[in-house]
C-alpha cells in the first residue's frame, strides 16, 4: 500500500490471499465462509487498521448496520450510562451508532432529530430521552423503522425497556424505615422526568404500605448544588432523621449541607441516594444507594432492537430490570436524641 493511503478491501484481500468477494462476505458475516478464512481476513483487517466503507456496504446489500440513538439528557449519569451500554452492545453485534442530541424537547425538535437519523439510513432507533414531553411527542409520530424506548410510564409498551424505578425507590425507603426512621423526607428529581416521577411514586407507595406519615416531596434538578441549598433550607427546621435523594449527586449536596451545619451523617441524619455513580463509594461517608445494571439494559436493548430489525424470533426482554440496594456508611438507625 502506498504510504498515507487508507487500506481498501482489495488490499485486505491481497494480504489475506483471498478474493475481494471473500472479504465482503466476511464483513457481512456470510455463513459460507470457513472459520479459518474468516480469522485470517479479520487479522489482516486489524493489522492494517482497515475500516469498512459503510456507505458502500449499504449500497451493496441494502444494510447500513447502523442504529440511531435519540438522546435528550446525555449529560446526566443515568442516560449517559445507558448510551455507553448501548454503544458497547451495538459494537459487539457489529453495528455502528449515530447520535442525535436534543437541545429542546418540543415536537419540532424531536421531529428534526428523527429526520436527521433517518437520513443516515439507520436500521433502528433507541430513544433515551426520559422526559414525559418526549414520549407525548413520540406517540403522535410515525417512525418507519424499529425503535426501543427506555422509560417506565406504561406507554408505548411494545417498544419499552426499563429498570424498575418504583421498586428501587421502595427498596431505598424500606431500608430507612427498617432502620427505625419515621421522619423521612424525599428530595425528588425534576417534575417532567419519568424516572423522578417513578421514584417519587415508589417512595410514597412504601411509606403508605408501612403506615409512615409523609411530607410533600421537594422537587430538585439532579445537581449537587441544589441538594446543598435544599439541605440548608430543610435543616432550618430539622424535623426529619433521614432523606431519600432521587439521585446520588443531590445526595452529595445534602451531605455537604449537613456537615456545614455541624451535624453528622449518619449520626444525626441518614442519607440514601439512587444510581450508584462511580464516586458514590468514595463520598464521606460512603453513600448508601440503589444500583442500576446499565450494561444489562444495553444488552437487552440491542437484542430487542435487532430481533425486530432482522425479523428473527422475538426476544422477550420487556420485563423490567430489578435494581439493587447497596448499603454503605451514610445510613444508620436514628439518633435517640432526636428532638
C-alpha atoms as a PDB file:
ATOM      1  CA  UNK A   1       0.000   0.000   0.000  1.00  0.00           C
ATOM      2  CA  UNK A   2       1.277   3.492  -0.790  1.00  0.00           C
ATOM      3  CA  UNK A   3       2.131   5.411   2.391  1.00  0.00           C
ATOM      4  CA  UNK A   4      -0.611   7.734   3.621  1.00  0.00           C
ATOM      5  CA  UNK A   5      -3.442   5.905   1.802  1.00  0.00           C
ATOM      6  CA  UNK A   6      -6.140   4.149   3.796  1.00  0.00           C
ATOM      7  CA  UNK A   7      -6.255   0.414   3.067  1.00  0.00           C
ATOM      8  CA  UNK A   8      -9.008  -0.800   0.736  1.00  0.00           C
ATOM      9  CA  UNK A   9     -10.936  -4.040   0.592  1.00  0.00           C
ATOM     10  CA  UNK A  10      -8.662  -5.181  -2.262  1.00  0.00           C
ATOM     11  CA  UNK A  11      -5.582  -4.527  -0.110  1.00  0.00           C
ATOM     12  CA  UNK A  12      -7.060  -6.754   2.602  1.00  0.00           C
ATOM     13  CA  UNK A  13      -7.878  -9.443   0.041  1.00  0.00           C
ATOM     14  CA  UNK A  14      -4.338  -9.414  -1.398  1.00  0.00           C
ATOM     15  CA  UNK A  15      -2.671  -9.626   2.032  1.00  0.00           C
ATOM     16  CA  UNK A  16      -5.031 -12.386   3.196  1.00  0.00           C
ATOM     17  CA  UNK A  17      -4.645 -14.340  -0.034  1.00  0.00           C
ATOM     18  CA  UNK A  18      -8.362 -14.334  -0.854  1.00  0.00           C
ATOM     19  CA  UNK A  19     -10.678 -12.595  -3.305  1.00  0.00           C
ATOM     20  CA  UNK A  20     -12.275  -9.258  -2.516  1.00  0.00           C
ATOM     21  CA  UNK A  21     -15.656 -11.051  -2.675  1.00  0.00           C
ATOM     22  CA  UNK A  22     -14.491 -13.259   0.202  1.00  0.00           C
ATOM     23  CA  UNK A  23     -13.559 -10.179   2.249  1.00  0.00           C
ATOM     24  CA  UNK A  24     -17.007  -8.748   1.539  1.00  0.00           C
ATOM     25  CA  UNK A  25     -18.627 -11.966   2.744  1.00  0.00           C
ATOM     26  CA  UNK A  26     -16.576 -11.814   5.958  1.00  0.00           C
ATOM     27  CA  UNK A  27     -17.735  -8.232   6.523  1.00  0.00           C
ATOM     28  CA  UNK A  28     -21.343  -9.341   6.102  1.00  0.00           C
ATOM     29  CA  UNK A  29     -20.989 -12.478   8.279  1.00  0.00           C
ATOM     30  CA  UNK A  30     -21.877 -14.788   5.402  1.00  0.00           C
ATOM     31  CA  UNK A  31     -22.331 -18.379   6.648  1.00  0.00           C
ATOM     32  CA  UNK A  32     -20.393 -19.906   3.711  1.00  0.00           C
ATOM     33  CA  UNK A  33     -17.019 -18.589   4.957  1.00  0.00           C
ATOM     34  CA  UNK A  34     -14.830 -21.103   6.798  1.00  0.00           C
ATOM     35  CA  UNK A  35     -13.741 -20.110  10.307  1.00  0.00           C
ATOM     36  CA  UNK A  36     -10.040 -20.269   9.401  1.00  0.00           C
ATOM     37  CA  UNK A  37     -10.536 -17.975   6.403  1.00  0.00           C
ATOM     38  CA  UNK A  38     -12.625 -15.553   8.444  1.00  0.00           C
ATOM     39  CA  UNK A  39      -9.994 -15.444  11.177  1.00  0.00           C
ATOM     40  CA  UNK A  40      -7.215 -14.749   8.651  1.00  0.00           C
ATOM     41  CA  UNK A  41      -9.168 -11.922   6.993  1.00  0.00           C
ATOM     42  CA  UNK A  42     -10.093 -10.337  10.317  1.00  0.00           C
ATOM     43  CA  UNK A  43      -6.472 -10.492  11.456  1.00  0.00           C
ATOM     44  CA  UNK A  44      -5.323  -8.660   8.308  1.00  0.00           C
ATOM     45  CA  UNK A  45      -8.017  -6.022   8.841  1.00  0.00           C
ATOM     46  CA  UNK A  46      -6.723  -5.475  12.350  1.00  0.00           C
ATOM     47  CA  UNK A  47      -3.078  -5.401  11.246  1.00  0.00           C
ATOM     48  CA  UNK A  48      -3.632  -2.765   8.552  1.00  0.00           C
ATOM     49  CA  UNK A  49      -6.335  -0.849  10.526  1.00  0.00           C
ATOM     50  CA  UNK A  50      -8.904  -1.385   7.795  1.00  0.00           C
ATOM     51  CA  UNK A  51     -12.210   0.446   8.293  1.00  0.00           C
ATOM     52  CA  UNK A  52     -15.076  -0.667   6.018  1.00  0.00           C
ATOM     53  CA  UNK A  53     -16.886   1.954   3.983  1.00  0.00           C
ATOM     54  CA  UNK A  54     -20.390   1.908   5.433  1.00  0.00           C
ATOM     55  CA  UNK A  55     -21.945   3.743   2.507  1.00  0.00           C
ATOM     56  CA  UNK A  56     -20.559   1.254   0.016  1.00  0.00           C
ATOM     57  CA  UNK A  57     -21.701  -1.673   2.115  1.00  0.00           C
ATOM     58  CA  UNK A  58     -25.200  -0.209   2.380  1.00  0.00           C
ATOM     59  CA  UNK A  59     -25.370   0.127  -1.417  1.00  0.00           C
ATOM     60  CA  UNK A  60     -24.123  -3.419  -1.833  1.00  0.00           C
ATOM     61  CA  UNK A  61     -26.511  -5.217   0.492  1.00  0.00           C
ATOM     62  CA  UNK A  62     -29.159  -2.677   1.494  1.00  0.00           C
ATOM     63  CA  UNK A  63     -27.920  -2.737   5.090  1.00  0.00           C
ATOM     64  CA  UNK A  64     -26.214   0.170   6.843  1.00  0.00           C
ATOM     65  CA  UNK A  65     -25.605  -1.808  10.066  1.00  0.00           C
ATOM     66  CA  UNK A  66     -26.220   1.475  11.866  1.00  0.00           C
ATOM     67  CA  UNK A  67     -28.630   2.303  14.648  1.00  0.00           C
ATOM     68  CA  UNK A  68     -29.613   5.756  15.792  1.00  0.00           C
ATOM     69  CA  UNK A  69     -29.779   6.969  19.373  1.00  0.00           C
ATOM     70  CA  UNK A  70     -32.075   9.878  20.183  1.00  0.00           C
ATOM     71  CA  UNK A  71     -30.964  11.491  23.451  1.00  0.00           C
ATOM     72  CA  UNK A  72     -32.265  14.493  25.354  1.00  0.00           C
ATOM     73  CA  UNK A  73     -30.237  14.192  28.556  1.00  0.00           C
ATOM     74  CA  UNK A  74     -26.864  12.662  27.728  1.00  0.00           C
ATOM     75  CA  UNK A  75     -25.009  14.819  30.254  1.00  0.00           C
ATOM     76  CA  UNK A  76     -26.741  13.149  33.230  1.00  0.00           C
ATOM     77  CA  UNK A  77     -25.283   9.970  34.699  1.00  0.00           C
ATOM     78  CA  UNK A  78     -28.238   7.642  34.075  1.00  0.00           C
ATOM     79  CA  UNK A  79     -28.833   8.485  30.395  1.00  0.00           C
ATOM     80  CA  UNK A  80     -25.070   8.732  29.733  1.00  0.00           C
ATOM     81  CA  UNK A  81     -24.559   5.259  31.211  1.00  0.00           C
ATOM     82  CA  UNK A  82     -27.417   3.877  29.096  1.00  0.00           C
ATOM     83  CA  UNK A  83     -25.846   5.378  25.963  1.00  0.00           C
ATOM     84  CA  UNK A  84     -22.440   3.863  26.791  1.00  0.00           C
ATOM     85  CA  UNK A  85     -24.032   0.455  27.405  1.00  0.00           C
ATOM     86  CA  UNK A  86     -25.884   0.578  24.078  1.00  0.00           C
ATOM     87  CA  UNK A  87     -22.737   1.605  22.202  1.00  0.00           C
ATOM     88  CA  UNK A  88     -20.865  -1.352  23.719  1.00  0.00           C
ATOM     89  CA  UNK A  89     -23.678  -3.792  22.864  1.00  0.00           C
ATOM     90  CA  UNK A  90     -24.006  -2.389  19.335  1.00  0.00           C
ATOM     91  CA  UNK A  91     -20.262  -2.737  18.716  1.00  0.00           C
ATOM     92  CA  UNK A  92     -20.348  -6.357  19.893  1.00  0.00           C
ATOM     93  CA  UNK A  93     -23.196  -7.003  17.441  1.00  0.00           C
ATOM     94  CA  UNK A  94     -21.280  -5.375  14.584  1.00  0.00           C
ATOM     95  CA  UNK A  95     -23.324  -2.183  14.430  1.00  0.00           C
ATOM     96  CA  UNK A  96     -22.382   1.487  14.353  1.00  0.00           C
ATOM     97  CA  UNK A  97     -24.181   4.141  16.403  1.00  0.00           C
ATOM     98  CA  UNK A  98     -25.248   7.572  15.208  1.00  0.00           C
ATOM     99  CA  UNK A  99     -26.266  10.060  17.904  1.00  0.00           C
ATOM    100  CA  UNK A 100     -28.880  12.804  17.707  1.00  0.00           C
ATOM    101  CA  UNK A 101     -28.921  15.045  20.776  1.00  0.00           C
ATOM    102  CA  UNK A 102     -31.999  17.133  21.522  1.00  0.00           C
ATOM    103  CA  UNK A 103     -31.306  20.674  22.673  1.00  0.00           C
ATOM    104  CA  UNK A 104     -35.053  21.096  23.289  1.00  0.00           C
ATOM    105  CA  UNK A 105     -37.901  18.611  23.741  1.00  0.00           C
ATOM    106  CA  UNK A 106     -40.625  20.292  21.710  1.00  0.00           C
ATOM    107  CA  UNK A 107     -42.296  18.322  18.877  1.00  0.00           C
ATOM    108  CA  UNK A 108     -40.441  20.282  16.161  1.00  0.00           C
ATOM    109  CA  UNK A 109     -37.015  19.494  17.636  1.00  0.00           C
ATOM    110  CA  UNK A 110     -37.870  15.826  18.104  1.00  0.00           C
ATOM    111  CA  UNK A 111     -39.126  15.517  14.528  1.00  0.00           C
ATOM    112  CA  UNK A 112     -35.976  17.247  13.207  1.00  0.00           C
ATOM    113  CA  UNK A 113     -33.729  14.865  15.187  1.00  0.00           C
ATOM    114  CA  UNK A 114     -35.599  11.798  13.928  1.00  0.00           C
ATOM    115  CA  UNK A 115     -35.403  13.100  10.356  1.00  0.00           C
ATOM    116  CA  UNK A 116     -31.644  13.524  10.788  1.00  0.00           C
ATOM    117  CA  UNK A 117     -31.278   9.914  11.944  1.00  0.00           C
ATOM    118  CA  UNK A 118     -33.436   8.608   9.102  1.00  0.00           C
ATOM    119  CA  UNK A 119     -31.219  10.465   6.619  1.00  0.00           C
ATOM    120  CA  UNK A 120     -28.300   8.364   7.894  1.00  0.00           C
ATOM    121  CA  UNK A 121     -30.148   5.177   6.813  1.00  0.00           C
ATOM    122  CA  UNK A 122     -30.354   3.833  10.353  1.00  0.00           C
ATOM    123  CA  UNK A 123     -31.930   0.400  10.672  1.00  0.00           C
ATOM    124  CA  UNK A 124     -33.402   1.070  14.107  1.00  0.00           C
ATOM    125  CA  UNK A 125     -33.596   3.739  16.794  1.00  0.00           C
ATOM    126  CA  UNK A 126     -33.130   3.794  20.574  1.00  0.00           C
ATOM    127  CA  UNK A 127     -34.824   6.638  22.441  1.00  0.00           C
ATOM    128  CA  UNK A 128     -33.049   7.725  25.636  1.00  0.00           C
ATOM    129  CA  UNK A 129     -34.990  10.863  26.440  1.00  0.00           C
ATOM    130  CA  UNK A 130     -36.555  10.436  29.866  1.00  0.00           C
ATOM    131  CA  UNK A 131     -38.816  13.482  29.821  1.00  0.00           C
ATOM    132  CA  UNK A 132     -42.566  12.967  29.637  1.00  0.00           C
ATOM    133  CA  UNK A 133     -42.854  15.501  26.782  1.00  0.00           C
ATOM    134  CA  UNK A 134     -40.665  13.374  24.518  1.00  0.00           C
ATOM    135  CA  UNK A 135     -42.977  10.377  24.815  1.00  0.00           C
ATOM    136  CA  UNK A 136     -46.032  12.560  24.358  1.00  0.00           C
ATOM    137  CA  UNK A 137     -44.492  13.608  21.035  1.00  0.00           C
ATOM    138  CA  UNK A 138     -43.425  10.087  20.007  1.00  0.00           C
ATOM    139  CA  UNK A 139     -46.963   8.767  20.426  1.00  0.00           C
ATOM    140  CA  UNK A 140     -48.092  11.132  17.668  1.00  0.00           C
ATOM    141  CA  UNK A 141     -45.254  10.471  15.224  1.00  0.00           C
ATOM    142  CA  UNK A 142     -44.891   7.807  12.554  1.00  0.00           C
ATOM    143  CA  UNK A 143     -41.485   6.112  12.897  1.00  0.00           C
ATOM    144  CA  UNK A 144     -40.931   3.729   9.979  1.00  0.00           C
ATOM    145  CA  UNK A 145     -38.041   1.714  11.475  1.00  0.00           C
ATOM    146  CA  UNK A 146     -37.990  -0.473  14.604  1.00  0.00           C
ATOM    147  CA  UNK A 147     -37.412   1.501  17.789  1.00  0.00           C
ATOM    148  CA  UNK A 148     -36.955   0.875  21.508  1.00  0.00           C
ATOM    149  CA  UNK A 149     -37.545   3.333  24.331  1.00  0.00           C
ATOM    150  CA  UNK A 150     -36.244   3.416  27.896  1.00  0.00           C
ATOM    151  CA  UNK A 151     -38.938   4.585  30.262  1.00  0.00           C
ATOM    152  CA  UNK A 152     -41.424   3.263  32.803  1.00  0.00           C
ATOM    153  CA  UNK A 153     -44.669   5.091  32.069  1.00  0.00           C
ATOM    154  CA  UNK A 154     -46.547   2.125  30.657  1.00  0.00           C
ATOM    155  CA  UNK A 155     -46.939   3.867  27.287  1.00  0.00           C
ATOM    156  CA  UNK A 156     -45.518   2.502  24.017  1.00  0.00           C
ATOM    157  CA  UNK A 157     -45.312  -0.843  25.832  1.00  0.00           C
ATOM    158  CA  UNK A 158     -44.356  -2.909  22.796  1.00  0.00           C
ATOM    159  CA  UNK A 159     -41.236  -0.764  22.352  1.00  0.00           C
ATOM    160  CA  UNK A 160     -40.236  -0.385  26.010  1.00  0.00           C
ATOM    161  CA  UNK A 161     -37.334  -1.490  28.198  1.00  0.00           C
ATOM    162  CA  UNK A 162     -36.798  -0.152  31.701  1.00  0.00           C
ATOM    163  CA  UNK A 163     -35.292  -0.543  35.133  1.00  0.00           C
ATOM    164  CA  UNK A 164     -37.974  -0.804  37.818  1.00  0.00           C
ATOM    165  CA  UNK A 165     -37.547   2.661  39.279  1.00  0.00           C
ATOM    166  CA  UNK A 166     -40.547   2.235  41.573  1.00  0.00           C
ATOM    167  CA  UNK A 167     -39.114  -0.948  43.082  1.00  0.00           C
ATOM    168  CA  UNK A 168     -35.738   0.771  43.541  1.00  0.00           C
ATOM    169  CA  UNK A 169     -37.314   3.689  45.383  1.00  0.00           C
ATOM    170  CA  UNK A 170     -39.261   1.292  47.578  1.00  0.00           C
ATOM    171  CA  UNK A 171     -36.024  -0.549  48.427  1.00  0.00           C
ATOM    172  CA  UNK A 172     -34.409   2.729  49.496  1.00  0.00           C
ATOM    173  CA  UNK A 173     -37.406   3.865  51.522  1.00  0.00           C
ATOM    174  CA  UNK A 174     -37.900   0.466  53.164  1.00  0.00           C
ATOM    175  CA  UNK A 175     -34.247   0.431  54.201  1.00  0.00           C
ATOM    176  CA  UNK A 176     -34.693   3.709  56.082  1.00  0.00           C
ATOM    177  CA  UNK A 177     -37.937   2.561  57.717  1.00  0.00           C
ATOM    178  CA  UNK A 178     -36.370  -0.776  58.673  1.00  0.00           C
ATOM    179  CA  UNK A 179     -33.579   1.136  60.442  1.00  0.00           C
ATOM    180  CA  UNK A 180     -36.234   2.824  62.583  1.00  0.00           C
ATOM    181  CA  UNK A 181     -36.718   6.141  60.758  1.00  0.00           C
ATOM    182  CA  UNK A 182     -40.219   7.616  60.710  1.00  0.00           C
ATOM    183  CA  UNK A 183     -39.421  11.231  59.852  1.00  0.00           C
ATOM    184  CA  UNK A 184     -38.223  10.867  56.261  1.00  0.00           C
ATOM    185  CA  UNK A 185     -38.047  13.474  53.501  1.00  0.00           C
ATOM    186  CA  UNK A 186     -37.799  12.778  49.784  1.00  0.00           C
ATOM    187  CA  UNK A 187     -35.713  15.054  47.569  1.00  0.00           C
ATOM    188  CA  UNK A 188     -37.180  14.277  44.136  1.00  0.00           C
ATOM    189  CA  UNK A 189     -35.944  14.957  40.626  1.00  0.00           C
ATOM    190  CA  UNK A 190     -37.442  17.374  38.088  1.00  0.00           C
ATOM    191  CA  UNK A 191     -41.185  17.095  37.595  1.00  0.00           C
ATOM    192  CA  UNK A 192     -41.046  16.302  33.861  1.00  0.00           C
ATOM    193  CA  UNK A 193     -38.614  13.398  34.246  1.00  0.00           C
ATOM    194  CA  UNK A 194     -40.098   9.899  34.047  1.00  0.00           C
ATOM    195  CA  UNK A 195     -37.559   8.432  36.499  1.00  0.00           C
ATOM    196  CA  UNK A 196     -38.196  11.207  39.017  1.00  0.00           C
ATOM    197  CA  UNK A 197     -41.937  10.568  38.861  1.00  0.00           C
ATOM    198  CA  UNK A 198     -41.456   6.801  39.302  1.00  0.00           C
ATOM    199  CA  UNK A 199     -39.043   7.182  42.234  1.00  0.00           C
ATOM    200  CA  UNK A 200     -41.402   9.616  43.935  1.00  0.00           C
ATOM    201  CA  UNK A 201     -44.236   7.161  43.473  1.00  0.00           C
ATOM    202  CA  UNK A 202     -42.130   4.336  44.923  1.00  0.00           C
ATOM    203  CA  UNK A 203     -41.285   6.460  47.968  1.00  0.00           C
ATOM    204  CA  UNK A 204     -44.935   7.342  48.597  1.00  0.00           C
ATOM    205  CA  UNK A 205     -46.094   3.751  47.998  1.00  0.00           C
ATOM    206  CA  UNK A 206     -43.623   2.330  50.512  1.00  0.00           C
ATOM    207  CA  UNK A 207     -44.344   4.984  53.131  1.00  0.00           C
ATOM    208  CA  UNK A 208     -48.053   4.240  52.771  1.00  0.00           C
ATOM    209  CA  UNK A 209     -47.573   0.471  52.867  1.00  0.00           C
ATOM    210  CA  UNK A 210     -45.551   0.790  56.084  1.00  0.00           C
ATOM    211  CA  UNK A 211     -48.086   3.253  57.554  1.00  0.00           C
ATOM    212  CA  UNK A 212     -45.494   6.015  57.977  1.00  0.00           C
ATOM    213  CA  UNK A 213     -46.683   9.644  57.678  1.00  0.00           C
ATOM    214  CA  UNK A 214     -45.313  11.529  54.675  1.00  0.00           C
ATOM    215  CA  UNK A 215     -44.464  15.098  53.821  1.00  0.00           C
ATOM    216  CA  UNK A 216     -44.664  16.559  50.314  1.00  0.00           C
ATOM    217  CA  UNK A 217     -41.572  15.656  48.257  1.00  0.00           C
ATOM    218  CA  UNK A 218     -39.222  18.508  47.341  1.00  0.00           C
ATOM    219  CA  UNK A 219     -38.643  18.858  43.589  1.00  0.00           C
ATOM    220  CA  UNK A 220     -34.954  19.176  42.688  1.00  0.00           C
ATOM    221  CA  UNK A 221     -32.884  19.406  39.493  1.00  0.00           C
ATOM    222  CA  UNK A 222     -30.461  16.442  39.885  1.00  0.00           C
ATOM    223  CA  UNK A 223     -27.462  18.659  40.813  1.00  0.00           C
ATOM    224  CA  UNK A 224     -25.279  18.573  43.936  1.00  0.00           C
ATOM    225  CA  UNK A 225     -25.685  22.327  44.183  1.00  0.00           C
ATOM    226  CA  UNK A 226     -29.461  22.015  44.511  1.00  0.00           C
ATOM    227  CA  UNK A 227     -29.013  19.257  47.095  1.00  0.00           C
ATOM    228  CA  UNK A 228     -26.766  21.535  49.122  1.00  0.00           C
ATOM    229  CA  UNK A 229     -29.139  24.503  49.169  1.00  0.00           C
ATOM    230  CA  UNK A 230     -32.199  22.313  49.710  1.00  0.00           C
ATOM    231  CA  UNK A 231     -30.411  20.685  52.640  1.00  0.00           C
ATOM    232  CA  UNK A 232     -29.624  24.062  54.182  1.00  0.00           C
ATOM    233  CA  UNK A 233     -33.285  25.088  53.974  1.00  0.00           C
ATOM    234  CA  UNK A 234     -34.513  21.767  55.373  1.00  0.00           C
ATOM    235  CA  UNK A 235     -32.119  21.991  58.318  1.00  0.00           C
ATOM    236  CA  UNK A 236     -33.628  25.308  59.420  1.00  0.00           C
ATOM    237  CA  UNK A 237     -36.467  23.239  60.889  1.00  0.00           C
ATOM    238  CA  UNK A 238     -34.771  19.842  61.195  1.00  0.00           C
ATOM    239  CA  UNK A 239     -37.926  17.805  61.643  1.00  0.00           C
ATOM    240  CA  UNK A 240     -36.509  14.709  59.965  1.00  0.00           C
ATOM    241  CA  UNK A 241     -33.933  11.994  60.623  1.00  0.00           C
ATOM    242  CA  UNK A 242     -33.465  10.687  57.078  1.00  0.00           C
ATOM    243  CA  UNK A 243     -33.587  11.830  53.458  1.00  0.00           C
ATOM    244  CA  UNK A 244     -34.082   9.721  50.352  1.00  0.00           C
ATOM    245  CA  UNK A 245     -32.487  11.609  47.456  1.00  0.00           C
ATOM    246  CA  UNK A 246     -33.658  10.740  43.944  1.00  0.00           C
ATOM    247  CA  UNK A 247     -30.060  10.653  42.699  1.00  0.00           C
ATOM    248  CA  UNK A 248     -26.526  10.485  44.077  1.00  0.00           C
ATOM    249  CA  UNK A 249     -25.431  13.993  43.045  1.00  0.00           C
ATOM    250  CA  UNK A 250     -28.174  15.654  45.088  1.00  0.00           C
ATOM    251  CA  UNK A 251     -27.285  13.305  47.960  1.00  0.00           C
ATOM    252  CA  UNK A 252     -23.712  14.619  47.817  1.00  0.00           C
ATOM    253  CA  UNK A 253     -25.015  18.167  48.211  1.00  0.00           C
ATOM    254  CA  UNK A 254     -27.164  17.075  51.137  1.00  0.00           C
ATOM    255  CA  UNK A 255     -24.154  15.534  52.911  1.00  0.00           C
ATOM    256  CA  UNK A 256     -22.275  18.800  52.420  1.00  0.00           C
ATOM    257  CA  UNK A 257     -25.163  20.798  53.909  1.00  0.00           C
ATOM    258  CA  UNK A 258     -25.440  18.532  56.955  1.00  0.00           C
ATOM    259  CA  UNK A 259     -21.706  18.783  57.591  1.00  0.00           C
ATOM    260  CA  UNK A 260     -21.775  22.580  57.189  1.00  0.00           C
ATOM    261  CA  UNK A 261     -24.474  22.713  59.871  1.00  0.00           C
ATOM    262  CA  UNK A 262     -22.127  20.969  62.307  1.00  0.00           C
ATOM    263  CA  UNK A 263     -24.098  17.726  62.170  1.00  0.00           C
ATOM    264  CA  UNK A 264     -23.083  14.188  61.339  1.00  0.00           C
ATOM    265  CA  UNK A 265     -24.043  11.741  58.602  1.00  0.00           C
ATOM    266  CA  UNK A 266     -25.382   9.253  59.579  1.00  0.00           C
ATOM    267  CA  UNK A 267     -25.267  10.092  63.316  1.00  0.00           C
ATOM    268  CA  UNK A 268     -27.773  12.950  63.003  1.00  0.00           C
ATOM    269  CA  UNK A 269     -29.189  12.446  59.503  1.00  0.00           C
ATOM    270  CA  UNK A 270     -29.196   9.333  57.324  1.00  0.00           C
ATOM    271  CA  UNK A 271     -28.960   9.948  53.558  1.00  0.00           C
ATOM    272  CA  UNK A 272     -29.597   7.495  50.740  1.00  0.00           C
ATOM    273  CA  UNK A 273     -29.202   8.113  47.001  1.00  0.00           C
ATOM    274  CA  UNK A 274     -30.049   6.455  43.692  1.00  0.00           C
ATOM    275  CA  UNK A 275     -27.901   5.312  40.696  1.00  0.00           C
ATOM    276  CA  UNK A 276     -24.635   4.248  42.423  1.00  0.00           C
ATOM    277  CA  UNK A 277     -22.409   6.580  40.415  1.00  0.00           C
ATOM    278  CA  UNK A 278     -18.721   5.527  40.438  1.00  0.00           C
ATOM    279  CA  UNK A 279     -17.879   8.183  43.055  1.00  0.00           C
ATOM    280  CA  UNK A 280     -20.645   7.117  45.479  1.00  0.00           C
ATOM    281  CA  UNK A 281     -18.416   4.600  47.256  1.00  0.00           C
ATOM    282  CA  UNK A 282     -15.899   7.400  47.909  1.00  0.00           C
ATOM    283  CA  UNK A 283     -18.220  10.048  49.389  1.00  0.00           C
ATOM    284  CA  UNK A 284     -17.640  10.670  53.058  1.00  0.00           C
ATOM    285  CA  UNK A 285     -19.317   8.722  54.419  1.00  0.00           C
ATOM    286  CA  UNK A 286     -19.645   6.269  51.515  1.00  0.00           C
ATOM    287  CA  UNK A 287     -23.152   6.574  50.145  1.00  0.00           C
ATOM    288  CA  UNK A 288     -25.915   4.019  50.567  1.00  0.00           C
ATOM    289  CA  UNK A 289     -27.685   3.984  47.210  1.00  0.00           C
ATOM    290  CA  UNK A 290     -29.651   1.996  44.618  1.00  0.00           C
ATOM    291  CA  UNK A 291     -27.664   0.476  41.758  1.00  0.00           C
ATOM    292  CA  UNK A 292     -28.989   0.038  38.220  1.00  0.00           C
ATOM    293  CA  UNK A 293     -27.488  -2.507  35.797  1.00  0.00           C
ATOM    294  CA  UNK A 294     -26.924  -0.268  32.787  1.00  0.00           C
ATOM    295  CA  UNK A 295     -24.805  -2.871  30.974  1.00  0.00           C
ATOM    296  CA  UNK A 296     -27.668  -5.377  31.076  1.00  0.00           C
ATOM    297  CA  UNK A 297     -30.055  -2.663  29.925  1.00  0.00           C
ATOM    298  CA  UNK A 298     -27.823  -2.001  26.912  1.00  0.00           C
ATOM    299  CA  UNK A 299     -27.602  -5.705  26.041  1.00  0.00           C
ATOM    300  CA  UNK A 300     -31.350  -6.186  26.264  1.00  0.00           C
ATOM    301  CA  UNK A 301     -31.964  -3.058  24.242  1.00  0.00           C
ATOM    302  CA  UNK A 302     -29.805  -4.232  21.347  1.00  0.00           C
ATOM    303  CA  UNK A 303     -31.228  -7.771  21.481  1.00  0.00           C
ATOM    304  CA  UNK A 304     -34.804  -6.479  21.315  1.00  0.00           C
ATOM    305  CA  UNK A 305     -33.995  -3.981  18.570  1.00  0.00           C
ATOM    306  CA  UNK A 306     -32.040  -6.472  16.443  1.00  0.00           C
ATOM    307  CA  UNK A 307     -34.789  -9.083  16.689  1.00  0.00           C
ATOM    308  CA  UNK A 308     -37.126  -6.502  15.125  1.00  0.00           C
ATOM    309  CA  UNK A 309     -34.599  -5.377  12.507  1.00  0.00           C
ATOM    310  CA  UNK A 310     -33.787  -8.903  11.306  1.00  0.00           C
ATOM    311  CA  UNK A 311     -37.274 -10.390  11.814  1.00  0.00           C
ATOM    312  CA  UNK A 312     -35.724 -13.093  13.960  1.00  0.00           C
ATOM    313  CA  UNK A 313     -37.559 -14.923  16.697  1.00  0.00           C
ATOM    314  CA  UNK A 314     -38.912 -12.183  19.003  1.00  0.00           C
ATOM    315  CA  UNK A 315     -36.832 -11.609  22.123  1.00  0.00           C
ATOM    316  CA  UNK A 316     -38.959 -11.089  25.218  1.00  0.00           C
ATOM    317  CA  UNK A 317     -36.846  -8.614  27.167  1.00  0.00           C
ATOM    318  CA  UNK A 318     -39.644  -6.276  28.123  1.00  0.00           C
ATOM    319  CA  UNK A 319     -39.671  -7.472  31.713  1.00  0.00           C
ATOM    320  CA  UNK A 320     -38.178  -4.719  33.838  1.00  0.00           C
ATOM    321  CA  UNK A 321     -34.717  -4.983  35.394  1.00  0.00           C
ATOM    322  CA  UNK A 322     -34.777  -5.007  39.181  1.00  0.00           C
ATOM    323  CA  UNK A 323     -32.296  -2.623  40.827  1.00  0.00           C
ATOM    324  CA  UNK A 324     -30.149  -3.488  43.843  1.00  0.00           C
ATOM    325  CA  UNK A 325     -29.778  -1.742  47.206  1.00  0.00           C
ATOM    326  CA  UNK A 326     -26.132  -1.031  48.077  1.00  0.00           C
ATOM    327  CA  UNK A 327     -25.749  -0.378  51.801  1.00  0.00           C
ATOM    328  CA  UNK A 328     -22.761   1.731  52.852  1.00  0.00           C
ATOM    329  CA  UNK A 329     -21.968   4.158  55.655  1.00  0.00           C
ATOM    330  CA  UNK A 330     -24.427   7.030  55.094  1.00  0.00           C
ATOM    331  CA  UNK A 331     -27.407   5.316  56.758  1.00  0.00           C
ATOM    332  CA  UNK A 332     -27.893   4.187  60.358  1.00  0.00           C
ATOM    333  CA  UNK A 333     -30.672   3.997  62.964  1.00  0.00           C
ATOM    334  CA  UNK A 334     -31.977   7.407  64.066  1.00  0.00           C
ATOM    335  CA  UNK A 335     -30.293   9.156  66.971  1.00  0.00           C
ATOM    336  CA  UNK A 336     -32.106   8.593  70.301  1.00  0.00           C
ATOM    337  CA  UNK A 337     -31.536  12.319  70.984  1.00  0.00           C
ATOM    338  CA  UNK A 338     -33.598  13.488  68.011  1.00  0.00           C
ATOM    339  CA  UNK A 339     -36.000  16.155  69.235  1.00  0.00           C
END
